[in-house]
Protein backbone atom coordinates (compact mmCIF):
# COMPACT_ATOMS: atom_id res chain seq x y z
CA MET A 1 0.10 0.09 -0.17
CA ARG A 2 2.80 2.29 1.07
CA LEU A 3 4.42 1.74 -2.63
CA PHE A 4 1.31 2.51 -4.38
CA LEU A 5 0.53 5.67 -2.29
CA LEU A 6 4.52 6.54 -3.12
CA LEU A 7 3.93 6.09 -6.81
CA ILE A 8 0.94 7.99 -6.73
CA VAL A 9 2.49 10.96 -4.96
CA CYS A 10 5.14 10.94 -7.68
CA LEU A 11 2.91 10.71 -10.29
CA GLY A 12 0.67 13.59 -8.94
CA GLY A 13 3.96 15.61 -8.14
CA SER A 14 5.17 15.45 -11.60
CA LEU A 15 1.94 16.23 -13.38
CA CYS A 16 1.47 19.20 -10.73
CA ALA A 17 5.02 20.50 -11.28
CA LEU A 18 4.79 20.02 -15.21
CA GLY A 19 1.28 21.71 -15.40
CA LEU A 20 2.70 24.49 -13.39
CA TYR A 21 5.71 25.35 -15.52
CA ASP A 22 3.50 25.37 -18.20
CA ILE A 23 0.88 27.54 -16.65
CA VAL A 24 3.93 30.20 -15.13
CA LYS A 25 5.59 30.24 -18.89
CA GLY A 26 2.35 30.63 -20.65
CA LEU A 27 1.51 33.51 -18.30
CA GLU A 28 4.78 35.16 -18.95
CA SER A 29 4.36 34.56 -22.60
CA GLY A 30 1.42 36.97 -22.90
CA SER A 31 3.50 39.86 -22.44
CA TRP A 32 6.31 38.80 -24.87
CA PRO A 33 7.47 40.90 -27.95
CA GLU A 34 6.34 39.82 -31.37
CA VAL A 35 8.32 39.22 -34.32
CA SER A 36 7.46 37.63 -37.71
CA GLY A 37 8.85 33.98 -38.42
CA THR A 38 8.33 31.58 -41.16
CA ILE A 39 7.15 27.79 -40.84
CA LEU A 40 10.01 25.18 -41.80
CA THR A 41 8.20 22.15 -40.93
CA SER A 42 4.98 21.25 -40.02
CA HIS A 43 3.54 17.88 -39.40
CA ILE A 44 0.15 17.06 -37.87
CA SER A 45 -0.57 13.13 -36.89
CA PHE A 46 -3.65 11.53 -35.52
CA SER A 47 -4.15 8.54 -33.57
CA GLN A 48 -6.99 6.21 -34.56
CA SER A 49 -9.67 4.99 -32.10
CA GLY A 50 -10.66 1.41 -31.49
CA ASN A 51 -12.96 1.57 -34.24
CA HIS A 52 -10.87 3.00 -36.63
CA SER A 53 -13.65 5.40 -37.90
CA THR A 54 -12.88 8.69 -36.12
CA ARG A 55 -9.32 10.35 -35.28
CA SER A 56 -9.24 10.43 -31.44
CA ALA A 57 -6.24 11.95 -30.57
CA GLY A 58 -3.50 14.30 -32.51
CA SER A 59 -0.17 15.88 -32.23
CA LEU A 60 1.85 18.81 -33.89
CA ARG A 61 5.02 18.95 -34.67
CA ILE A 62 6.44 22.32 -35.77
CA ALA A 63 9.71 24.01 -36.50
CA TYR A 64 9.85 27.74 -37.51
CA ILE A 65 12.52 30.49 -37.94
CA TYR A 66 12.50 34.15 -36.75
CA ARG A 67 15.15 36.86 -36.31
CA VAL A 68 15.56 38.98 -33.28
CA GLY A 69 17.97 41.86 -32.98
CA GLY A 70 20.03 40.81 -36.36
CA ARG A 71 20.23 36.91 -35.24
CA MET A 72 18.25 34.07 -36.37
CA PHE A 73 16.70 31.64 -33.96
CA SER A 74 14.41 28.36 -34.60
CA GLY A 75 11.91 27.19 -32.17
CA THR A 76 9.61 24.30 -32.18
CA ARG A 77 6.93 25.34 -29.46
CA TYR A 78 3.30 26.05 -30.54
CA ALA A 79 1.95 26.77 -27.38
CA TRP A 80 2.72 26.54 -23.43
CA GLY A 81 0.97 22.98 -22.71
CA PRO A 82 0.07 20.27 -24.84
CA GLN A 83 -3.46 20.99 -27.30
CA SER A 84 -6.42 19.38 -27.12
CA PRO A 85 -7.55 17.11 -29.79
CA SER A 86 -10.13 19.41 -31.01
CA ALA A 87 -7.61 21.87 -31.44
CA VAL A 88 -5.13 19.86 -33.30
CA ARG A 89 -7.91 18.79 -35.45
CA ASP A 90 -8.72 22.49 -36.32
CA LEU A 91 -5.02 23.21 -37.02
CA ALA A 92 -5.18 20.33 -39.69
CA ASN A 93 -7.76 21.84 -41.15
CA ALA A 94 -6.44 25.30 -41.46
CA ASP A 95 -3.38 26.40 -44.05
CA GLU A 96 -2.02 28.94 -41.30
CA LEU A 97 0.77 26.42 -40.44
CA ALA A 98 1.75 25.26 -43.93
CA VAL A 99 5.59 25.07 -44.90
CA GLY A 100 6.75 28.45 -45.90
CA SER A 101 3.85 30.27 -43.99
CA ARG A 102 4.46 33.55 -42.36
CA ILE A 103 3.64 33.57 -38.72
CA ALA A 104 3.96 35.74 -36.00
CA VAL A 105 6.36 34.22 -33.27
CA PHE A 106 6.60 35.55 -29.37
CA TYR A 107 9.94 35.10 -28.02
CA SER A 108 11.52 35.74 -24.23
CA PRO A 109 13.17 39.42 -24.00
CA LYS A 110 15.37 37.65 -21.33
CA ASP A 111 16.17 34.56 -23.90
CA PRO A 112 15.55 35.18 -27.38
CA SER A 113 15.96 31.09 -28.14
CA SER A 114 12.80 30.64 -25.99
CA SER A 115 9.54 31.29 -28.27
CA VAL A 116 6.22 30.09 -29.13
CA ILE A 117 3.55 30.77 -31.71
CA VAL A 118 0.53 31.01 -29.47
CA PRO A 119 1.12 32.99 -26.22
CA GLY A 120 -0.92 32.46 -22.93
CA VAL A 121 -1.94 29.38 -21.00
CA ALA A 122 -2.87 26.38 -22.87
CA THR A 123 -5.97 24.32 -21.64
CA GLY A 124 -3.60 21.33 -21.75
CA ALA A 125 -1.32 22.67 -19.20
CA VAL A 126 -4.33 23.57 -16.84
CA ALA A 127 -5.60 20.08 -17.37
CA ILE A 128 -2.52 18.37 -16.48
CA PHE A 129 -2.13 20.36 -13.04
CA THR A 130 -5.44 19.68 -11.98
CA LEU A 131 -5.18 15.97 -12.69
CA GLY A 132 -1.70 16.03 -10.81
CA SER A 133 -3.89 17.94 -7.80
CA VAL A 134 -6.69 14.88 -7.91
CA PHE A 135 -3.83 12.29 -7.46
CA LEU A 136 -2.39 14.35 -4.74
CA GLY A 137 -5.62 15.07 -3.12
CA PHE A 138 -6.66 11.17 -3.52
CA VAL A 139 -3.41 10.36 -1.74
CA GLY A 140 -4.25 13.10 0.95
CA ALA A 141 -7.73 11.62 1.97
CA LEU A 142 -6.26 8.27 2.19
CA LEU A 143 -3.74 9.22 4.16
CA LEU A 144 -5.95 10.96 6.54
CA ALA A 145 -8.66 8.07 6.34
CA MET A 146 -5.67 5.46 7.52
CA HIS A 147 -4.22 7.88 10.02
CA LEU A 148 -8.20 8.27 11.64
CA ARG A 149 -8.61 4.25 11.38
CA ALA A 150 -5.28 3.89 13.07
CA ARG A 151 -6.19 6.24 15.67
CA ARG A 152 -9.58 4.57 16.90
CA LEU A 153 -7.53 1.34 16.77
CA MET A 154 -5.28 2.53 19.26
CA VAL A 155 -8.05 4.12 21.71
CA PRO A 156 -9.83 1.71 23.96
CA ASP A 157 -13.32 1.34 23.86
CA VAL A 158 -14.64 3.47 26.96
CA GLU A 159 -18.39 3.87 27.48
CA LEU A 160 -19.25 7.65 28.04
CA PRO A 161 -22.51 8.73 29.42
CA THR A 162 -24.90 9.67 26.53
CA THR A 163 -26.20 12.84 28.54
CA ILE A 164 -24.67 14.73 31.13
CA ARG A 165 -26.93 16.60 33.37
CA ARG A 166 -26.23 19.91 34.92
CA LYS A 167 -28.53 21.78 37.43
CA HIS A 168 -28.88 25.43 36.43
CA ARG A 169 -30.33 28.21 38.68
CA TRP A 170 -32.21 30.73 36.99
């Protein structure tokens, strides 16, 4: 049981850390300066569901170049955090990420090599953080239940009077 709880804590903690990192970076990127860039490669792939009739999940791989202060940089980040399958499906139907397309690139003024095409917090980052929090909450509730059960087992059964009568003078 302890190994199970430890694994859940590690998984939940990792998910919380990953989600929180993407949330913080996404919030920072909302104020980053914008430059023009060019798509070098763009590949969207989907995995099939069990019945092979619908596309269930998708992934986006992208590479782009941009120039800041006379220096050329390259980037591969579309957004801070994973994209939902529906967002990837929408991108597959749009021509905005076609090879050679001009795009807006947002870069960190502290580190121009850090860039993103869509600034802000992606819903996937919030979902990952929430999932990690649920795992940690589950472990916390389980540990609390175990603690209360152990305490109850340690206290001997003592009968207490059901009512205590006190005389009051009015």
